[in-house]
Amino acid sequence: MKKVVILPTYNEIENIGPMIERVFGLPEPFDLLVIDDGSPDGTAGAVREAMEREEYAGRIHLIERAGKQGLGTAYIAGFRWALERGYDYVFEMDCDFSHDPADLIRLWRACADEGADMAIGSRYVTGVNVINWPIGRVIMSYYASAYVRRVLGMPVRDCTAGFVCFRAEVLRAIDFDRIRMRGYGFQIEMKYSAWKLSFRIVEVPIIFTDRTRGSSKMSSGIFGEAFWGVLKMRFRRIRRADREPGVKAVL
């Protein structure tokens, strides 16, 4: 039952230390893989310091990349890294505490105990569970998911959610080379791929709280990519790309 949480970071020096402590303080063990895109604020350096602490030995890992290369490419690099090392469950999570680390256990249990292949930490499955977002952003996010459901027919309430647990089997089946979107549309594309490949997806209700430290990475270009990408996705054939466990992945 090897579990790893992937944290893409860019300028998260205020959050990375507390996040490491919270994840490693959980009653269930999780490893951490931080993928830092050249943060000038020293985020990667803080991760390297944590890696030297005896109590974290072998549980924190770091991939450093040159410059901002997009959320999607960071996660794909992390997925390949995790599959190569034989992890059974792989998680996506933001580093800014908008996702509560304690909910990692709930997502994992939805897969390990309740039979889900992919568990989504959902803001909208039981209404609108968002704290401290401007109303305009809540409306945009909520109706973005409604738009995705209408265009793709995918029965997921929170299509853009970035808090997810995957069974390794799901990631082995998705052809990463055919994932087109690099921003938050990537989240839609991964869910759609899993759904089209007939994996069981469940939504676990969470409370999403906007960050209190650091700055958001959201931009209008991210929404534009997702809007047009969803239209194109509807006509794309989703093919299975089974990878055998233990086969070396190319980063």
Protein backbone atom coordinates (compact mmCIF):
# COMPACT_ATOMS: atom_id res chain seq x y z
CA MET A 1 0.00 0.00 0.00
CA LYS A 2 2.61 2.56 -1.07
CA LYS A 3 1.10 6.03 -1.31
CA VAL A 4 2.65 9.23 -2.66
CA VAL A 5 1.28 12.78 -2.75
CA ILE A 6 2.45 14.92 -5.67
CA LEU A 7 2.82 18.64 -4.88
CA PRO A 8 3.60 20.93 -7.83
CA THR A 9 5.11 24.15 -6.50
CA TYR A 10 6.05 27.61 -7.70
CA ASN A 11 6.86 30.21 -5.07
CA GLU A 12 5.32 28.32 -2.14
CA ILE A 13 8.01 29.06 0.47
CA GLU A 14 5.34 30.14 2.97
CA ASN A 15 3.39 26.91 2.63
CA ILE A 16 5.80 24.09 1.85
CA GLY A 17 7.22 23.63 5.35
CA PRO A 18 3.85 23.56 7.13
CA MET A 19 2.46 21.28 4.41
CA ILE A 20 5.26 18.75 4.89
CA GLU A 21 4.64 18.73 8.64
CA ARG A 22 0.88 18.29 8.21
CA VAL A 23 1.16 15.40 5.75
CA PHE A 24 3.75 13.57 7.83
CA GLY A 25 1.69 14.17 10.96
CA LEU A 26 -1.25 12.17 9.61
CA PRO A 27 -2.03 8.80 11.25
CA GLU A 28 -1.71 7.10 7.84
CA PRO A 29 1.72 7.18 6.11
CA PHE A 30 2.13 9.07 2.83
CA ASP A 31 5.29 9.89 0.89
CA LEU A 32 5.70 13.30 -0.74
CA LEU A 33 7.00 14.20 -4.19
CA VAL A 34 7.51 17.93 -4.71
CA ILE A 35 7.88 19.11 -8.30
CA ASP A 36 9.26 22.62 -8.26
CA ASP A 37 9.40 24.77 -11.38
CA GLY A 38 12.40 26.90 -10.53
CA SER A 39 10.80 28.90 -7.71
CA PRO A 40 12.95 32.00 -7.13
CA ASP A 41 11.73 32.24 -3.51
CA GLY A 42 13.68 29.16 -2.36
CA THR A 43 10.89 26.60 -2.22
CA ALA A 44 13.14 23.82 -3.52
CA GLY A 45 15.80 24.71 -0.98
CA ALA A 46 13.28 24.33 1.85
CA VAL A 47 12.37 20.89 0.51
CA ARG A 48 16.04 19.85 0.39
CA GLU A 49 16.45 20.94 4.02
CA ALA A 50 13.44 18.83 5.02
CA MET A 51 14.90 15.85 3.15
CA GLU A 52 17.91 15.97 5.46
CA ARG A 53 15.81 15.58 8.61
CA GLU A 54 16.14 12.11 10.06
CA GLU A 55 12.42 11.69 10.75
CA TYR A 56 11.62 12.36 7.07
CA ALA A 57 14.36 10.17 5.61
CA GLY A 58 13.26 8.47 2.40
CA ARG A 59 9.78 9.98 2.52
CA ILE A 60 10.34 13.30 0.73
CA HIS A 61 11.44 13.45 -2.90
CA LEU A 62 12.12 16.42 -5.15
CA ILE A 63 12.12 17.02 -8.90
CA GLU A 64 13.46 20.43 -9.91
CA ARG A 65 12.56 21.81 -13.32
CA ALA A 66 13.81 24.90 -15.13
CA GLY A 67 11.07 27.51 -15.14
CA LYS A 68 7.28 27.28 -15.20
CA GLN A 69 6.28 24.43 -17.50
CA GLY A 70 2.64 24.04 -16.56
CA LEU A 71 0.60 22.14 -14.01
CA GLY A 72 -0.17 19.28 -16.37
CA THR A 73 3.44 18.54 -17.28
CA ALA A 74 4.39 18.61 -13.60
CA TYR A 75 1.77 16.02 -12.72
CA ILE A 76 2.65 13.80 -15.67
CA ALA A 77 6.30 13.84 -14.62
CA GLY A 78 5.15 12.90 -11.13
CA PHE A 79 2.88 10.11 -12.36
CA ARG A 80 5.70 8.57 -14.37
CA TRP A 81 8.06 8.85 -11.42
CA ALA A 82 5.53 7.16 -9.12
CA LEU A 83 4.73 4.32 -11.51
CA GLU A 84 8.41 3.60 -12.00
CA ARG A 85 8.81 3.21 -8.23
CA GLY A 86 5.83 0.95 -7.72
CA TYR A 87 3.43 3.19 -5.80
CA ASP A 88 -0.08 1.75 -5.43
CA TYR A 89 -1.91 5.06 -4.89
CA VAL A 90 -0.95 8.45 -6.31
CA PHE A 91 -2.47 11.74 -5.15
CA GLU A 92 -2.76 15.22 -6.61
CA MET A 93 -2.98 18.06 -4.11
CA ASP A 94 -2.34 21.80 -4.00
CA CYS A 95 0.39 23.08 -1.71
CA ASP A 96 -1.51 26.19 -0.56
CA PHE A 97 -3.80 24.47 2.02
CA SER A 98 -6.91 25.01 -0.08
CA HIS A 99 -7.05 21.21 0.24
CA ASP A 100 -7.02 19.88 3.81
CA PRO A 101 -4.26 17.24 4.12
CA ALA A 102 -6.49 15.28 6.53
CA ASP A 103 -8.79 14.54 3.57
CA LEU A 104 -6.03 12.48 1.95
CA ILE A 105 -7.11 9.60 4.18
CA ARG A 106 -10.74 9.90 3.08
CA LEU A 107 -9.76 9.85 -0.60
CA TRP A 108 -7.46 6.88 -0.07
CA ARG A 109 -10.15 4.91 1.77
CA ALA A 110 -12.63 5.58 -1.03
CA CYS A 111 -10.23 3.68 -3.30
CA ALA A 112 -8.66 1.14 -0.94
CA ASP A 113 -11.78 0.22 1.06
CA GLU A 114 -14.73 1.19 -1.12
CA GLY A 115 -13.55 0.06 -4.54
CA ALA A 116 -13.12 3.34 -6.40
CA ASP A 117 -10.44 3.60 -9.05
CA MET A 118 -10.30 7.39 -8.83
CA ALA A 119 -11.53 9.47 -5.88
CA ILE A 120 -12.11 13.19 -6.35
CA GLY A 121 -12.13 15.68 -3.49
CA SER A 122 -15.26 17.46 -4.68
CA ARG A 123 -16.34 21.02 -3.90
CA TYR A 124 -19.74 20.61 -5.56
CA VAL A 125 -21.07 17.09 -5.01
CA THR A 126 -23.10 18.19 -1.97
CA GLY A 127 -23.73 21.82 -2.94
CA VAL A 128 -21.07 24.54 -3.00
CA ASN A 129 -18.43 23.95 -0.32
CA VAL A 130 -16.03 26.81 -0.99
CA ILE A 131 -14.74 29.29 1.59
CA ASN A 132 -13.19 32.74 0.96
CA TRP A 133 -13.48 32.78 -2.83
CA PRO A 134 -14.98 35.88 -4.49
CA ILE A 135 -18.50 35.08 -5.67
CA GLY A 136 -17.47 35.65 -9.28
CA ARG A 137 -14.84 32.95 -9.08
CA VAL A 138 -17.24 30.52 -7.40
CA ILE A 139 -19.76 31.05 -10.19
CA MET A 140 -17.11 30.63 -12.88
CA SER A 141 -15.78 27.42 -11.34
CA TYR A 142 -19.22 25.91 -10.70
CA TYR A 143 -20.52 26.60 -14.20
CA ALA A 144 -17.28 25.49 -15.77
CA SER A 145 -18.02 22.02 -14.41
CA ALA A 146 -21.61 22.27 -15.66
CA TYR A 147 -20.26 23.18 -19.11
CA VAL A 148 -17.94 20.15 -19.08
CA ARG A 149 -20.78 17.82 -18.08
CA ARG A 150 -22.95 19.20 -20.88
CA VAL A 151 -20.30 18.91 -23.59
CA LEU A 152 -18.67 15.62 -22.57
CA GLY A 153 -21.54 13.86 -20.82
CA MET A 154 -19.22 12.97 -17.94
CA PRO A 155 -21.19 12.53 -14.67
CA VAL A 156 -18.76 14.40 -12.42
CA ARG A 157 -19.86 17.43 -10.41
CA ASP A 158 -16.39 18.92 -9.86
CA CYS A 159 -14.61 18.41 -13.18
CA THR A 160 -11.78 20.86 -12.48
CA ALA A 161 -10.94 19.54 -9.00
CA GLY A 162 -7.24 19.25 -8.27
CA PHE A 163 -7.50 17.00 -5.20
CA VAL A 164 -7.52 13.42 -6.48
CA CYS A 165 -6.47 9.87 -5.56
CA PHE A 166 -5.64 7.47 -8.40
CA ARG A 167 -5.11 3.76 -8.23
CA ALA A 168 -1.89 3.01 -10.10
CA GLU A 169 -3.91 0.92 -12.57
CA VAL A 170 -5.65 4.06 -13.80
CA LEU A 171 -2.41 5.90 -14.47
CA ARG A 172 -0.93 2.89 -16.24
CA ALA A 173 -3.93 2.85 -18.57
CA ILE A 174 -3.91 6.54 -19.52
CA ASP A 175 -1.75 7.51 -22.48
CA PHE A 176 0.07 10.56 -21.13
CA ASP A 177 1.41 11.40 -24.59
CA ARG A 178 -2.16 12.13 -25.72
CA ILE A 179 -2.96 14.49 -22.83
CA ARG A 180 -3.07 17.89 -24.53
CA MET A 181 -3.92 20.47 -21.88
CA ARG A 182 -1.26 21.85 -19.57
CA GLY A 183 -3.15 24.18 -17.23
CA TYR A 184 -6.23 23.44 -15.13
CA GLY A 185 -7.85 21.87 -18.18
CA PHE A 186 -5.48 19.01 -17.51
CA GLN A 187 -7.66 18.06 -14.55
CA ILE A 188 -10.67 17.72 -16.84
CA GLU A 189 -8.73 15.66 -19.36
CA MET A 190 -7.47 13.18 -16.76
CA LYS A 191 -10.98 12.62 -15.38
CA TYR A 192 -12.44 12.27 -18.86
CA SER A 193 -9.76 9.77 -19.86
CA ALA A 194 -10.38 7.65 -16.76
CA TRP A 195 -14.15 7.76 -17.31
CA LYS A 196 -13.90 6.81 -21.00
CA LEU A 197 -11.67 3.90 -20.04
CA SER A 198 -14.47 2.65 -17.75
CA PHE A 199 -12.75 3.21 -14.43
CA ARG A 200 -14.96 3.82 -11.41
CA ILE A 201 -14.90 7.46 -10.30
CA VAL A 202 -16.37 8.66 -7.00
CA GLU A 203 -16.61 12.14 -5.53
CA VAL A 204 -15.80 12.63 -1.86
CA PRO A 205 -17.21 15.90 -0.45
CA ILE A 206 -14.58 18.31 0.87
CA ILE A 207 -14.50 21.91 2.03
CA PHE A 208 -12.25 24.01 -0.18
CA THR A 209 -10.67 27.04 1.50
CA ASP A 210 -8.88 29.69 -0.54
CA ARG A 211 -5.20 30.19 0.24
CA THR A 212 -4.23 32.60 3.00
CA ARG A 213 -0.48 32.68 2.19
CA GLY A 214 1.24 33.17 -1.14
CA SER A 215 -0.38 34.16 -4.44
CA SER A 216 -2.74 32.36 -6.79
CA LYS A 217 -1.43 31.02 -10.13
CA MET A 218 -4.82 31.33 -11.86
CA SER A 219 -5.05 33.30 -15.12
CA SER A 220 -7.57 33.94 -17.90
CA GLY A 221 -5.44 31.91 -20.31
CA ILE A 222 -5.99 28.83 -18.15
CA PHE A 223 -9.77 29.14 -18.56
CA GLY A 224 -9.44 29.75 -22.30
CA GLU A 225 -7.40 26.59 -22.75
CA ALA A 226 -9.98 24.56 -20.83
CA PHE A 227 -12.97 26.01 -22.71
CA TRP A 228 -11.67 25.21 -26.18
CA GLY A 229 -9.91 22.04 -25.09
CA VAL A 230 -13.16 20.51 -23.85
CA LEU A 231 -14.80 21.04 -27.25
CA LYS A 232 -11.91 19.26 -28.98
CA MET A 233 -11.83 16.50 -26.38
CA ARG A 234 -15.35 15.40 -27.23
CA PHE A 235 -14.18 14.18 -30.64
CA ARG A 236 -10.96 12.57 -29.50
CA ARG A 237 -10.57 8.83 -29.23
CA ILE A 238 -9.32 7.75 -25.80
CA ARG A 239 -7.01 4.77 -26.12
CA ARG A 240 -5.72 2.52 -23.35
CA ALA A 241 -1.96 2.54 -22.86
CA ASP A 242 -1.34 -0.25 -20.37
CA ARG A 243 2.07 -0.09 -18.72
CA GLU A 244 3.35 -3.12 -16.91
CA PRO A 245 4.22 -2.54 -13.23
CA GLY A 246 7.90 -1.82 -12.79
CA VAL A 247 8.54 -0.78 -16.40
CA LYS A 248 10.86 2.21 -16.46
CA ALA A 249 9.05 5.41 -17.36
CA VAL A 250 10.67 8.19 -19.38
CA LEU A 251 10.48 11.59 -17.65
